[in-house]
Amino acid sequence: MEAVFSIYHLWMKFPAGRTIATVWADAGIARRCYQDSLKVESTAKKLGVDALDFNLDPQHFPTEERPHPVGDLKEVQIGPLSTQMKKIGKTLG
C-alpha cells in the first residue's frame, strides 16, 4: 500500500481509486493511548544472573588413558613404497 504519513499532524494519505483519501487521528485519544502504554507493566520474565563456581583448571579433570594394543604388533605394508608401513595387532593380520 502506498501511503504518506504525518506523525506531527496525525494524518495518513493514500490512493483510493482515482482520488486521494485522508485519515485523521484524534490528538487527545492518541495522547491517552500513549500514556496508557507507559503504565502497562512488562509481562516478560526478567532474567537474572546465576553464579556458578566451576574449577576449570585442566589438572582437575580426569585424564582418560589412551587404548593400548592387545598382544603383539605386526608391520604391514599399505602402499607401493617400503616406507608406507602400519602396525596392526597380530590377531587382525
PDB file of N, CA and C in Angstrom:
ATOM      1  N   MET A   1       0.848  -1.165   0.000  1.00  0.00           N
ATOM      2  CA  MET A   1       0.000   0.000   0.000  1.00  0.00           C
ATOM      3  C   MET A   1       0.899   1.235   0.000  1.00  0.00           C
ATOM      4  N   GLU A   2       0.668   2.121  -0.906  1.00  0.00           N
ATOM      5  CA  GLU A   2       1.399   3.376  -0.952  1.00  0.00           C
ATOM      6  C   GLU A   2       0.663   4.367  -0.072  1.00  0.00           C
ATOM      7  N   ALA A   3       1.390   4.988   0.848  1.00  0.00           N
ATOM      8  CA  ALA A   3       0.758   5.934   1.762  1.00  0.00           C
ATOM      9  C   ALA A   3       1.783   6.959   2.205  1.00  0.00           C
ATOM     10  N   VAL A   4       1.279   8.126   2.628  1.00  0.00           N
ATOM     11  CA  VAL A   4       2.099   9.192   3.182  1.00  0.00           C
ATOM     12  C   VAL A   4       1.577   9.458   4.581  1.00  0.00           C
ATOM     13  N   PHE A   5       2.506   9.465   5.562  1.00  0.00           N
ATOM     14  CA  PHE A   5       2.128   9.658   6.954  1.00  0.00           C
ATOM     15  C   PHE A   5       2.670  10.986   7.458  1.00  0.00           C
ATOM     16  N   SER A   6       1.935  11.625   8.334  1.00  0.00           N
ATOM     17  CA  SER A   6       2.421  12.790   9.059  1.00  0.00           C
ATOM     18  C   SER A   6       2.141  12.543  10.530  1.00  0.00           C
ATOM     19  N   ILE A   7       3.177  12.215  11.262  1.00  0.00           N
ATOM     20  CA  ILE A   7       3.028  11.962  12.690  1.00  0.00           C
ATOM     21  C   ILE A   7       2.686  13.268  13.410  1.00  0.00           C
ATOM     22  N   TYR A   8       3.294  14.363  12.976  1.00  0.00           N
ATOM     23  CA  TYR A   8       3.056  15.654  13.618  1.00  0.00           C
ATOM     24  C   TYR A   8       1.588  16.084  13.470  1.00  0.00           C
ATOM     25  N   HIS A   9       1.033  15.927  12.280  1.00  0.00           N
ATOM     26  CA  HIS A   9      -0.354  16.334  12.022  1.00  0.00           C
ATOM     27  C   HIS A   9      -1.357  15.214  12.269  1.00  0.00           C
ATOM     28  N   LEU A  10      -0.885  14.000  12.560  1.00  0.00           N
ATOM     29  CA  LEU A  10      -1.726  12.828  12.824  1.00  0.00           C
ATOM     30  C   LEU A  10      -2.685  12.538  11.673  1.00  0.00           C
ATOM     31  N   TRP A  11      -2.140  12.450  10.468  1.00  0.00           N
ATOM     32  CA  TRP A  11      -2.949  12.030   9.328  1.00  0.00           C
ATOM     33  C   TRP A  11      -2.171  11.087   8.440  1.00  0.00           C
ATOM     34  N   MET A  12      -2.918  10.376   7.598  1.00  0.00           N
ATOM     35  CA  MET A  12      -2.341   9.462   6.620  1.00  0.00           C
ATOM     36  C   MET A  12      -3.100   9.667   5.319  1.00  0.00           C
ATOM     37  N   LYS A  13      -2.381   9.808   4.217  1.00  0.00           N
ATOM     38  CA  LYS A  13      -2.997   9.945   2.899  1.00  0.00           C
ATOM     39  C   LYS A  13      -2.592   8.749   2.047  1.00  0.00           C
ATOM     40  N   PHE A  14      -3.573   8.210   1.307  1.00  0.00           N
ATOM     41  CA  PHE A  14      -3.309   7.055   0.466  1.00  0.00           C
ATOM     42  C   PHE A  14      -4.242   7.095  -0.745  1.00  0.00           C
ATOM     43  N   PRO A  15      -3.826   6.463  -1.852  1.00  0.00           N
ATOM     44  CA  PRO A  15      -4.682   6.458  -3.046  1.00  0.00           C
ATOM     45  C   PRO A  15      -5.893   5.548  -2.829  1.00  0.00           C
ATOM     46  N   ALA A  16      -7.054   6.069  -3.251  1.00  0.00           N
ATOM     47  CA  ALA A  16      -8.301   5.309  -3.162  1.00  0.00           C
ATOM     48  C   ALA A  16      -9.034   5.503  -4.490  1.00  0.00           C
ATOM     49  N   GLY A  17      -8.793   4.598  -5.407  1.00  0.00           N
ATOM     50  CA  GLY A  17      -9.384   4.747  -6.739  1.00  0.00           C
ATOM     51  C   GLY A  17      -8.683   5.860  -7.488  1.00  0.00           C
ATOM     52  N   ARG A  18      -9.472   6.861  -7.936  1.00  0.00           N
ATOM     53  CA  ARG A  18      -8.891   7.995  -8.665  1.00  0.00           C
ATOM     54  C   ARG A  18      -8.664   9.208  -7.774  1.00  0.00           C
ATOM     55  N   THR A  19      -8.876   9.055  -6.466  1.00  0.00           N
ATOM     56  CA  THR A  19      -8.701  10.178  -5.546  1.00  0.00           C
ATOM     57  C   THR A  19      -7.675   9.811  -4.469  1.00  0.00           C
ATOM     58  N   ILE A  20      -7.402  10.787  -3.651  1.00  0.00           N
ATOM     59  CA  ILE A  20      -6.515  10.580  -2.508  1.00  0.00           C
ATOM     60  C   ILE A  20      -7.374  10.658  -1.251  1.00  0.00           C
ATOM     61  N   ALA A  21      -7.344   9.580  -0.461  1.00  0.00           N
ATOM     62  CA  ALA A  21      -8.119   9.555   0.779  1.00  0.00           C
ATOM     63  C   ALA A  21      -7.220  10.001   1.932  1.00  0.00           C
ATOM     64  N   THR A  22      -7.830  10.659   2.920  1.00  0.00           N
ATOM     65  CA  THR A  22      -7.091  11.128   4.098  1.00  0.00           C
ATOM     66  C   THR A  22      -7.772  10.603   5.340  1.00  0.00           C
ATOM     67  N   VAL A  23      -6.968  10.068   6.247  1.00  0.00           N
ATOM     68  CA  VAL A  23      -7.472   9.589   7.531  1.00  0.00           C
ATOM     69  C   VAL A  23      -6.833  10.452   8.604  1.00  0.00           C
ATOM     70  N   TRP A  24      -7.699  11.070   9.443  1.00  0.00           N
ATOM     71  CA  TRP A  24      -7.224  11.934  10.518  1.00  0.00           C
ATOM     72  C   TRP A  24      -7.344  11.199  11.847  1.00  0.00           C
ATOM     73  N   ALA A  25      -6.441  11.494  12.759  1.00  0.00           N
ATOM     74  CA  ALA A  25      -6.497  10.904  14.101  1.00  0.00           C
ATOM     75  C   ALA A  25      -6.835  11.989  15.116  1.00  0.00           C
ATOM     76  N   ASP A  26      -7.377  11.577  16.246  1.00  0.00           N
ATOM     77  CA  ASP A  26      -7.714  12.490  17.331  1.00  0.00           C
ATOM     78  C   ASP A  26      -6.501  12.606  18.255  1.00  0.00           C
ATOM     79  N   ALA A  27      -5.960  13.802  18.424  1.00  0.00           N
ATOM     80  CA  ALA A  27      -4.761  14.019  19.228  1.00  0.00           C
ATOM     81  C   ALA A  27      -4.986  13.617  20.688  1.00  0.00           C
ATOM     82  N   GLY A  28      -6.161  13.876  21.217  1.00  0.00           N
ATOM     83  CA  GLY A  28      -6.453  13.533  22.608  1.00  0.00           C
ATOM     84  C   GLY A  28      -6.423  12.028  22.833  1.00  0.00           C
ATOM     85  N   ILE A  29      -7.029  11.289  21.913  1.00  0.00           N
ATOM     86  CA  ILE A  29      -7.038   9.827  22.032  1.00  0.00           C
ATOM     87  C   ILE A  29      -5.629   9.272  21.845  1.00  0.00           C
ATOM     88  N   ALA A  30      -4.877   9.840  20.914  1.00  0.00           N
ATOM     89  CA  ALA A  30      -3.505   9.383  20.694  1.00  0.00           C
ATOM     90  C   ALA A  30      -2.657   9.615  21.935  1.00  0.00           C
ATOM     91  N   ARG A  31      -2.823  10.768  22.590  1.00  0.00           N
ATOM     92  CA  ARG A  31      -2.068  11.070  23.806  1.00  0.00           C
ATOM     93  C   ARG A  31      -2.440  10.116  24.934  1.00  0.00           C
ATOM     94  N   ARG A  32      -3.756   9.850  25.086  1.00  0.00           N
ATOM     95  CA  ARG A  32      -4.208   8.928  26.127  1.00  0.00           C
ATOM     96  C   ARG A  32      -3.698   7.507  25.878  1.00  0.00           C
ATOM     97  N   CYS A  33      -3.689   7.097  24.623  1.00  0.00           N
ATOM     98  CA  CYS A  33      -3.192   5.768  24.262  1.00  0.00           C
ATOM     99  C   CYS A  33      -1.703   5.662  24.601  1.00  0.00           C
ATOM    100  N   TYR A  34      -0.939   6.707  24.310  1.00  0.00           N
ATOM    101  CA  TYR A  34       0.486   6.709  24.615  1.00  0.00           C
ATOM    102  C   TYR A  34       0.717   6.648  26.119  1.00  0.00           C
ATOM    103  N   GLN A  35      -0.036   7.434  26.889  1.00  0.00           N
ATOM    104  CA  GLN A  35       0.123   7.429  28.345  1.00  0.00           C
ATOM    105  C   GLN A  35      -0.256   6.075  28.940  1.00  0.00           C
ATOM    106  N   ASP A  36      -1.283   5.445  28.398  1.00  0.00           N
ATOM    107  CA  ASP A  36      -1.674   4.125  28.875  1.00  0.00           C
ATOM    108  C   ASP A  36      -0.601   3.086  28.571  1.00  0.00           C
ATOM    109  N   SER A  37       0.064   3.237  27.441  1.00  0.00           N
ATOM    110  CA  SER A  37       1.120   2.269  27.095  1.00  0.00           C
ATOM    111  C   SER A  37       2.304   2.383  28.038  1.00  0.00           C
ATOM    112  N   LEU A  38       2.527   3.553  28.612  1.00  0.00           N
ATOM    113  CA  LEU A  38       3.617   3.727  29.568  1.00  0.00           C
ATOM    114  C   LEU A  38       3.292   3.093  30.916  1.00  0.00           C
ATOM    115  N   LYS A  39       2.010   2.966  31.241  1.00  0.00           N
ATOM    116  CA  LYS A  39       1.588   2.414  32.524  1.00  0.00           C
ATOM    117  C   LYS A  39       1.611   0.897  32.554  1.00  0.00           C
ATOM    118  N   VAL A  40       1.530   0.256  31.408  1.00  0.00           N
ATOM    119  CA  VAL A  40       1.455  -1.198  31.345  1.00  0.00           C
ATOM    120  C   VAL A  40       2.786  -1.789  31.777  1.00  0.00           C
ATOM    121  N   GLU A  41       2.732  -2.716  32.740  1.00  0.00           N
ATOM    122  CA  GLU A  41       3.958  -3.373  33.188  1.00  0.00           C
ATOM    123  C   GLU A  41       4.345  -4.441  32.182  1.00  0.00           C
ATOM    124  N   SER A  42       5.619  -4.611  32.055  1.00  0.00           N
ATOM    125  CA  SER A  42       6.116  -5.631  31.130  1.00  0.00           C
ATOM    126  C   SER A  42       5.823  -7.007  31.702  1.00  0.00           C
ATOM    127  N   THR A  43       5.271  -7.894  30.875  1.00  0.00           N
ATOM    128  CA  THR A  43       4.986  -9.255  31.323  1.00  0.00           C
ATOM    129  C   THR A  43       6.141 -10.190  31.014  1.00  0.00           C
ATOM    130  N   ALA A  44       7.172  -9.660  30.380  1.00  0.00           N
ATOM    131  CA  ALA A  44       8.328 -10.500  30.048  1.00  0.00           C
ATOM    132  C   ALA A  44       9.061 -10.873  31.335  1.00  0.00           C
ATOM    133  N   LYS A  45       9.533 -12.078  31.375  1.00  0.00           N
ATOM    134  CA  LYS A  45      10.265 -12.570  32.541  1.00  0.00           C
ATOM    135  C   LYS A  45      11.614 -11.869  32.611  1.00  0.00           C
ATOM    136  N   LYS A  46      11.899 -11.335  33.779  1.00  0.00           N
ATOM    137  CA  LYS A  46      13.178 -10.664  33.958  1.00  0.00           C
ATOM    138  C   LYS A  46      14.239 -11.723  34.224  1.00  0.00           C
ATOM    139  N   LEU A  47      15.291 -11.652  33.444  1.00  0.00           N
ATOM    140  CA  LEU A  47      16.356 -12.643  33.556  1.00  0.00           C
ATOM    141  C   LEU A  47      17.370 -12.196  34.594  1.00  0.00           C
ATOM    142  N   GLY A  48      17.751 -13.106  35.433  1.00  0.00           N
ATOM    143  CA  GLY A  48      18.775 -12.835  36.427  1.00  0.00           C
ATOM    144  C   GLY A  48      20.060 -13.544  36.051  1.00  0.00           C
ATOM    145  N   VAL A  49      21.071 -13.298  36.819  1.00  0.00           N
ATOM    146  CA  VAL A  49      22.360 -13.934  36.580  1.00  0.00           C
ATOM    147  C   VAL A  49      22.574 -14.976  37.663  1.00  0.00           C
ATOM    148  N   ASP A  50      22.827 -16.191  37.252  1.00  0.00           N
ATOM    149  CA  ASP A  50      23.146 -17.262  38.185  1.00  0.00           C
ATOM    150  C   ASP A  50      24.659 -17.436  38.202  1.00  0.00           C
ATOM    151  N   ALA A  51      25.222 -17.347  39.368  1.00  0.00           N
ATOM    152  CA  ALA A  51      26.667 -17.514  39.501  1.00  0.00           C
ATOM    153  C   ALA A  51      26.969 -18.981  39.768  1.00  0.00           C
ATOM    154  N   LEU A  52      27.811 -19.545  38.965  1.00  0.00           N
ATOM    155  CA  LEU A  52      28.232 -20.927  39.127  1.00  0.00           C
ATOM    156  C   LEU A  52      29.724 -20.945  39.389  1.00  0.00           C
ATOM    157  N   ASP A  53      30.135 -21.792  40.296  1.00  0.00           N
ATOM    158  CA  ASP A  53      31.552 -21.869  40.644  1.00  0.00           C
ATOM    159  C   ASP A  53      32.116 -23.166  40.085  1.00  0.00           C
ATOM    160  N   PHE A  54      32.745 -23.071  38.932  1.00  0.00           N
ATOM    161  CA  PHE A  54      33.372 -24.222  38.308  1.00  0.00           C
ATOM    162  C   PHE A  54      34.880 -24.052  38.359  1.00  0.00           C
ATOM    163  N   ASN A  55      35.559 -25.115  38.672  1.00  0.00           N
ATOM    164  CA  ASN A  55      37.010 -25.098  38.622  1.00  0.00           C
ATOM    165  C   ASN A  55      37.409 -25.602  37.235  1.00  0.00           C
ATOM    166  N   LEU A  56      37.871 -24.702  36.396  1.00  0.00           N
ATOM    167  CA  LEU A  56      38.199 -25.053  35.016  1.00  0.00           C
ATOM    168  C   LEU A  56      39.684 -25.350  34.827  1.00  0.00           C
ATOM    169  N   ASP A  57      40.381 -25.587  35.901  1.00  0.00           N
ATOM    170  CA  ASP A  57      41.787 -25.941  35.814  1.00  0.00           C
ATOM    171  C   ASP A  57      41.919 -27.330  35.190  1.00  0.00           C
ATOM    172  N   PRO A  58      42.674 -27.479  34.088  1.00  0.00           N
ATOM    173  CA  PRO A  58      42.761 -28.778  33.421  1.00  0.00           C
ATOM    174  C   PRO A  58      43.377 -29.866  34.282  1.00  0.00           C
ATOM    175  N   GLN A  59      44.103 -29.507  35.327  1.00  0.00           N
ATOM    176  CA  GLN A  59      44.697 -30.519  36.193  1.00  0.00           C
ATOM    177  C   GLN A  59      43.635 -31.248  37.012  1.00  0.00           C
ATOM    178  N   HIS A  60      42.463 -30.644  37.196  1.00  0.00           N
ATOM    179  CA  HIS A  60      41.411 -31.262  37.992  1.00  0.00           C
ATOM    180  C   HIS A  60      40.506 -32.177  37.170  1.00  0.00           C
ATOM    181  N   PHE A  61      40.616 -32.134  35.859  1.00  0.00           N
ATOM    182  CA  PHE A  61      39.805 -33.010  35.022  1.00  0.00           C
ATOM    183  C   PHE A  61      40.381 -34.420  35.044  1.00  0.00           C
ATOM    184  N   PRO A  62      39.533 -35.426  35.047  1.00  0.00           N
ATOM    185  CA  PRO A  62      40.070 -36.792  34.994  1.00  0.00           C
ATOM    186  C   PRO A  62      40.722 -37.043  33.633  1.00  0.00           C
ATOM    187  N   THR A  63      41.853 -37.671  33.663  1.00  0.00           N
ATOM    188  CA  THR A  63      42.550 -37.961  32.408  1.00  0.00           C
ATOM    189  C   THR A  63      42.156 -39.360  31.950  1.00  0.00           C
ATOM    190  N   GLU A  64      41.791 -39.456  30.709  1.00  0.00           N
ATOM    191  CA  GLU A  64      41.422 -40.749  30.139  1.00  0.00           C
ATOM    192  C   GLU A  64      42.657 -41.344  29.476  1.00  0.00           C
ATOM    193  N   GLU A  65      42.912 -42.557  29.788  1.00  0.00           N
ATOM    194  CA  GLU A  65      44.057 -43.212  29.188  1.00  0.00           C
ATOM    195  C   GLU A  65      43.717 -43.634  27.768  1.00  0.00           C
ATOM    196  N   ARG A  66      44.701 -43.545  26.912  1.00  0.00           N
ATOM    197  CA  ARG A  66      44.512 -43.970  25.532  1.00  0.00           C
ATOM    198  C   ARG A  66      44.508 -45.492  25.494  1.00  0.00           C
ATOM    199  N   PRO A  67      43.816 -46.052  24.532  1.00  0.00           N
ATOM    200  CA  PRO A  67      43.806 -47.513  24.449  1.00  0.00           C
ATOM    201  C   PRO A  67      45.192 -48.055  24.069  1.00  0.00           C
ATOM    202  N   HIS A  68      45.512 -49.154  24.656  1.00  0.00           N
ATOM    203  CA  HIS A  68      46.787 -49.817  24.364  1.00  0.00           C
ATOM    204  C   HIS A  68      46.521 -51.025  23.478  1.00  0.00           C
ATOM    205  N   PRO A  69      47.448 -51.339  22.584  1.00  0.00           N
ATOM    206  CA  PRO A  69      47.247 -52.504  21.727  1.00  0.00           C
ATOM    207  C   PRO A  69      47.271 -53.794  22.546  1.00  0.00           C
ATOM    208  N   VAL A  70      46.411 -54.710  22.127  1.00  0.00           N
ATOM    209  CA  VAL A  70      46.355 -56.003  22.807  1.00  0.00           C
ATOM    210  C   VAL A  70      47.266 -56.966  22.052  1.00  0.00           C
ATOM    211  N   GLY A  71      48.176 -57.552  22.751  1.00  0.00           N
ATOM    212  CA  GLY A  71      49.054 -58.543  22.114  1.00  0.00           C
ATOM    213  C   GLY A  71      50.189 -57.925  21.333  1.00  0.00           C
ATOM    214  N   ASP A  72      50.792 -58.747  20.492  1.00  0.00           N
ATOM    215  CA  ASP A  72      51.932 -58.313  19.697  1.00  0.00           C
ATOM    216  C   ASP A  72      51.474 -57.578  18.445  1.00  0.00           C
ATOM    217  N   LEU A  73      52.366 -56.744  17.900  1.00  0.00           N
ATOM    218  CA  LEU A  73      52.075 -55.980  16.697  1.00  0.00           C
ATOM    219  C   LEU A  73      52.843 -56.556  15.518  1.00  0.00           C
ATOM    220  N   LYS A  74      52.259 -56.406  14.339  1.00  0.00           N
ATOM    221  CA  LYS A  74      52.860 -56.874  13.092  1.00  0.00           C
ATOM    222  C   LYS A  74      52.884 -55.695  12.130  1.00  0.00           C
ATOM    223  N   GLU A  75      53.999 -55.454  11.453  1.00  0.00           N
ATOM    224  CA  GLU A  75      54.079 -54.372  10.477  1.00  0.00           C
ATOM    225  C   GLU A  75      53.544 -54.851   9.141  1.00  0.00           C
ATOM    226  N   VAL A  76      52.659 -54.045   8.541  1.00  0.00           N
ATOM    227  CA  VAL A  76      52.048 -54.388   7.261  1.00  0.00           C
ATOM    228  C   VAL A  76      52.292 -53.233   6.300  1.00  0.00           C
ATOM    229  N   GLN A  77      52.724 -53.543   5.077  1.00  0.00           N
ATOM    230  CA  GLN A  77      52.958 -52.520   4.070  1.00  0.00           C
ATOM    231  C   GLN A  77      51.603 -52.150   3.466  1.00  0.00           C
ATOM    232  N   ILE A  78      51.275 -50.812   3.476  1.00  0.00           N
ATOM    233  CA  ILE A  78      49.957 -50.381   2.981  1.00  0.00           C
ATOM    234  C   ILE A  78      50.042 -49.619   1.666  1.00  0.00           C
ATOM    235  N   GLY A  79      51.209 -49.453   1.114  1.00  0.00           N
ATOM    236  CA  GLY A  79      51.369 -48.744  -0.141  1.00  0.00           C
ATOM    237  C   GLY A  79      52.483 -49.342  -0.966  1.00  0.00           C
ATOM    238  N   PRO A  80      52.741 -48.779  -2.146  1.00  0.00           N
ATOM    239  CA  PRO A  80      53.775 -49.338  -3.022  1.00  0.00           C
ATOM    240  C   PRO A  80      55.193 -49.102  -2.501  1.00  0.00           C
ATOM    241  N   LEU A  81      55.407 -48.124  -1.632  1.00  0.00           N
ATOM    242  CA  LEU A  81      56.750 -47.854  -1.122  1.00  0.00           C
ATOM    243  C   LEU A  81      57.000 -48.645   0.154  1.00  0.00           C
ATOM    244  N   SER A  82      58.255 -48.987   0.359  1.00  0.00           N
ATOM    245  CA  SER A  82      58.605 -49.785   1.543  1.00  0.00           C
ATOM    246  C   SER A  82      58.489 -48.963   2.823  1.00  0.00           C
ATOM    247  N   THR A  83      58.404 -47.626   2.712  1.00  0.00           N
ATOM    248  CA  THR A  83      58.268 -46.785   3.897  1.00  0.00           C
ATOM    249  C   THR A  83      56.808 -46.628   4.341  1.00  0.00           C
ATOM    250  N   GLN A  84      55.884 -47.112   3.525  1.00  0.00           N
ATOM    251  CA  GLN A  84      54.461 -46.990   3.853  1.00  0.00           C
ATOM    252  C   GLN A  84      54.009 -48.215   4.641  1.00  0.00           C
ATOM    253  N   MET A  85      54.323 -48.178   5.926  1.00  0.00           N
ATOM    254  CA  MET A  85      54.043 -49.317   6.806  1.00  0.00           C
ATOM    255  C   MET A  85      53.128 -48.864   7.945  1.00  0.00           C
ATOM    256  N   LYS A  86      52.307 -49.768   8.402  1.00  0.00           N
ATOM    257  CA  LYS A  86      51.463 -49.568   9.576  1.00  0.00           C
ATOM    258  C   LYS A  86      51.578 -50.775  10.467  1.00  0.00           C
ATOM    259  N   LYS A  87      51.388 -50.550  11.758  1.00  0.00           N
ATOM    260  CA  LYS A  87      51.426 -51.650  12.715  1.00  0.00           C
ATOM    261  C   LYS A  87      49.990 -52.012  13.079  1.00  0.00           C
ATOM    262  N   ILE A  88      49.690 -53.294  13.018  1.00  0.00           N
ATOM    263  CA  ILE A  88      48.375 -53.781  13.417  1.00  0.00           C
ATOM    264  C   ILE A  88      48.569 -54.953  14.377  1.00  0.00           C
ATOM    265  N   GLY A  89      47.511 -55.235  15.140  1.00  0.00           N
ATOM    266  CA  GLY A  89      47.589 -56.366  16.054  1.00  0.00           C
ATOM    267  C   GLY A  89      47.688 -57.673  15.281  1.00  0.00           C
ATOM    268  N   LYS A  90      48.438 -58.626  15.801  1.00  0.00           N
ATOM    269  CA  LYS A  90      48.619 -59.902  15.100  1.00  0.00           C
ATOM    270  C   LYS A  90      47.305 -60.659  14.983  1.00  0.00           C
ATOM    271  N   THR A  91      46.361 -60.376  15.851  1.00  0.00           N
ATOM    272  CA  THR A  91      45.073 -61.077  15.752  1.00  0.00           C
ATOM    273  C   THR A  91      44.272 -60.591  14.552  1.00  0.00           C
ATOM    274  N   LEU A  92      44.548 -59.362  14.030  1.00  0.00           N
ATOM    275  CA  LEU A  92      43.846 -58.841  12.855  1.00  0.00           C
ATOM    276  C   LEU A  92      44.537 -59.252  11.561  1.00  0.00           C
ATOM    277  N   GLY A  93      45.826 -59.506  11.569  1.00  0.00           N
ATOM    278  CA  GLY A  93      46.580 -59.759  10.348  1.00  0.00           C
ATOM    279  C   GLY A  93      46.892 -61.157  10.226  1.00  0.00           C
TER     280      GLY A  93
END
